Amino acid sequence: MSILKVDRKGRLALPKRIRESLNIGDKVLVINAGDHLKVIPLPSDPFKVLHEAFNVRKPFRELRKRAEALVEREVKS
């Protein structure tokens, strides 16, 4: 856990150890979750991630089931 100072422009700097432990590169997604923020690292090469996501040989039903499970876990956390 870290306490960070917000500067006059509303910016904060993530400590290096946190950036490295979460493999944070140049961009993150920040989500307003009501009483807190969620910071989600974004991939440096989104096309590579998308290519890998669609390069599967599984039936659509199985992919949809996995996607629904991921959404349920995200909503609960």
C-alpha atoms as a PDB file:
ATOM      1  CA  MET A   1       0.000   0.000   0.000  1.00  0.00           C
ATOM      2  CA  SER A   2       1.195   3.507  -0.807  1.00  0.00           C
ATOM      3  CA  ILE A   3      -0.073   6.962   0.007  1.00  0.00           C
ATOM      4  CA  LEU A   4       0.478   9.231  -2.988  1.00  0.00           C
ATOM      5  CA  LYS A   5       0.416  13.006  -3.181  1.00  0.00           C
ATOM      6  CA  VAL A   6      -1.724  14.628  -5.865  1.00  0.00           C
ATOM      7  CA  ASP A   7      -0.110  17.739  -7.393  1.00  0.00           C
ATOM      8  CA  ARG A   8      -1.870  21.028  -8.221  1.00  0.00           C
ATOM      9  CA  LYS A   9      -2.821  19.727 -11.666  1.00  0.00           C
ATOM     10  CA  GLY A  10      -4.434  16.596 -10.208  1.00  0.00           C
ATOM     11  CA  ARG A  11      -1.604  14.272 -11.218  1.00  0.00           C
ATOM     12  CA  LEU A  12      -0.006  11.530  -9.186  1.00  0.00           C
ATOM     13  CA  ALA A  13       3.043   9.387  -9.780  1.00  0.00           C
ATOM     14  CA  LEU A  14       2.944   5.646  -9.244  1.00  0.00           C
ATOM     15  CA  PRO A  15       6.037   4.339  -7.460  1.00  0.00           C
ATOM     16  CA  LYS A  16       8.404   2.310  -9.636  1.00  0.00           C
ATOM     17  CA  ARG A  17       7.912  -0.870  -7.594  1.00  0.00           C
ATOM     18  CA  ILE A  18       4.149  -0.728  -8.199  1.00  0.00           C
ATOM     19  CA  ARG A  19       4.581  -0.040 -11.935  1.00  0.00           C
ATOM     20  CA  GLU A  20       7.002  -2.919 -12.268  1.00  0.00           C
ATOM     21  CA  SER A  21       4.940  -5.372 -10.209  1.00  0.00           C
ATOM     22  CA  LEU A  22       1.858  -4.694 -12.380  1.00  0.00           C
ATOM     23  CA  ASN A  23       3.823  -4.429 -15.630  1.00  0.00           C
ATOM     24  CA  ILE A  24       2.423  -0.940 -16.267  1.00  0.00           C
ATOM     25  CA  GLY A  25       3.701   0.634 -19.477  1.00  0.00           C
ATOM     26  CA  ASP A  26       2.732   3.938 -21.068  1.00  0.00           C
ATOM     27  CA  LYS A  27      -1.045   3.802 -20.681  1.00  0.00           C
ATOM     28  CA  VAL A  28      -3.619   2.786 -18.088  1.00  0.00           C
ATOM     29  CA  LEU A  29      -7.396   2.808 -18.016  1.00  0.00           C
ATOM     30  CA  VAL A  30      -8.838   4.681 -15.016  1.00  0.00           C
ATOM     31  CA  ILE A  31     -12.389   3.799 -13.998  1.00  0.00           C
ATOM     32  CA  ASN A  32     -14.456   5.750 -11.487  1.00  0.00           C
ATOM     33  CA  ALA A  33     -15.849   2.983  -9.272  1.00  0.00           C
ATOM     34  CA  GLY A  34     -17.889   5.207  -6.973  1.00  0.00           C
ATOM     35  CA  ASP A  35     -15.829   5.560  -3.821  1.00  0.00           C
ATOM     36  CA  HIS A  36     -12.532   4.505  -5.419  1.00  0.00           C
ATOM     37  CA  LEU A  37     -10.664   4.379  -8.722  1.00  0.00           C
ATOM     38  CA  LYS A  38      -9.653   1.284 -10.660  1.00  0.00           C
ATOM     39  CA  VAL A  39      -6.391   1.551 -12.571  1.00  0.00           C
ATOM     40  CA  ILE A  40      -6.026  -1.098 -15.264  1.00  0.00           C
ATOM     41  CA  PRO A  41      -2.776  -1.440 -17.244  1.00  0.00           C
ATOM     42  CA  LEU A  42      -3.266  -1.342 -21.012  1.00  0.00           C
ATOM     43  CA  PRO A  43      -1.108  -3.426 -23.343  1.00  0.00           C
ATOM     44  CA  SER A  44       1.609  -1.617 -25.263  1.00  0.00           C
ATOM     45  CA  ASP A  45       0.531  -3.450 -28.439  1.00  0.00           C
ATOM     46  CA  PRO A  46      -3.261  -3.881 -28.381  1.00  0.00           C
ATOM     47  CA  PHE A  47      -3.299  -5.430 -31.866  1.00  0.00           C
ATOM     48  CA  LYS A  48      -1.106  -8.286 -30.683  1.00  0.00           C
ATOM     49  CA  VAL A  49      -3.490  -8.916 -27.777  1.00  0.00           C
ATOM     50  CA  LEU A  50      -6.489  -8.821 -30.112  1.00  0.00           C
ATOM     51  CA  HIS A  51      -4.801 -11.158 -32.576  1.00  0.00           C
ATOM     52  CA  GLU A  52      -4.112 -13.653 -29.807  1.00  0.00           C
ATOM     53  CA  ALA A  53      -7.679 -13.308 -28.542  1.00  0.00           C
ATOM     54  CA  PHE A  54      -9.172 -14.203 -31.916  1.00  0.00           C
ATOM     55  CA  ASN A  55      -6.620 -16.842 -32.798  1.00  0.00           C
ATOM     56  CA  VAL A  56      -8.515 -19.652 -31.085  1.00  0.00           C
ATOM     57  CA  ARG A  57     -10.176 -22.830 -32.220  1.00  0.00           C
ATOM     58  CA  LYS A  58     -12.944 -22.990 -29.666  1.00  0.00           C
ATOM     59  CA  PRO A  59     -16.679 -22.951 -30.300  1.00  0.00           C
ATOM     60  CA  PHE A  60     -18.473 -19.628 -29.903  1.00  0.00           C
ATOM     61  CA  ARG A  61     -20.557 -20.950 -26.995  1.00  0.00           C
ATOM     62  CA  GLU A  62     -17.449 -21.782 -24.997  1.00  0.00           C
ATOM     63  CA  LEU A  63     -15.899 -18.377 -25.716  1.00  0.00           C
ATOM     64  CA  ARG A  64     -19.113 -16.620 -24.682  1.00  0.00           C
ATOM     65  CA  LYS A  65     -19.299 -18.658 -21.462  1.00  0.00           C
ATOM     66  CA  ARG A  66     -15.711 -17.680 -20.593  1.00  0.00           C
ATOM     67  CA  ALA A  67     -16.415 -14.011 -21.366  1.00  0.00           C
ATOM     68  CA  GLU A  68     -19.512 -14.028 -19.131  1.00  0.00           C
ATOM     69  CA  ALA A  69     -17.511 -15.611 -16.311  1.00  0.00           C
ATOM     70  CA  LEU A  70     -14.832 -12.911 -16.620  1.00  0.00           C
ATOM     71  CA  VAL A  71     -17.462 -10.169 -16.486  1.00  0.00           C
ATOM     72  CA  GLU A  72     -19.079 -11.711 -13.398  1.00  0.00           C
ATOM     73  CA  ARG A  73     -15.717 -11.837 -11.624  1.00  0.00           C
ATOM     74  CA  GLU A  74     -14.993  -8.218 -12.552  1.00  0.00           C
ATOM     75  CA  VAL A  75     -18.378  -7.059 -11.254  1.00  0.00           C
ATOM     76  CA  LYS A  76     -17.886  -8.890  -7.945  1.00  0.00           C
ATOM     77  CA  SER A  77     -14.416  -7.443  -7.326  1.00  0.00           C
END
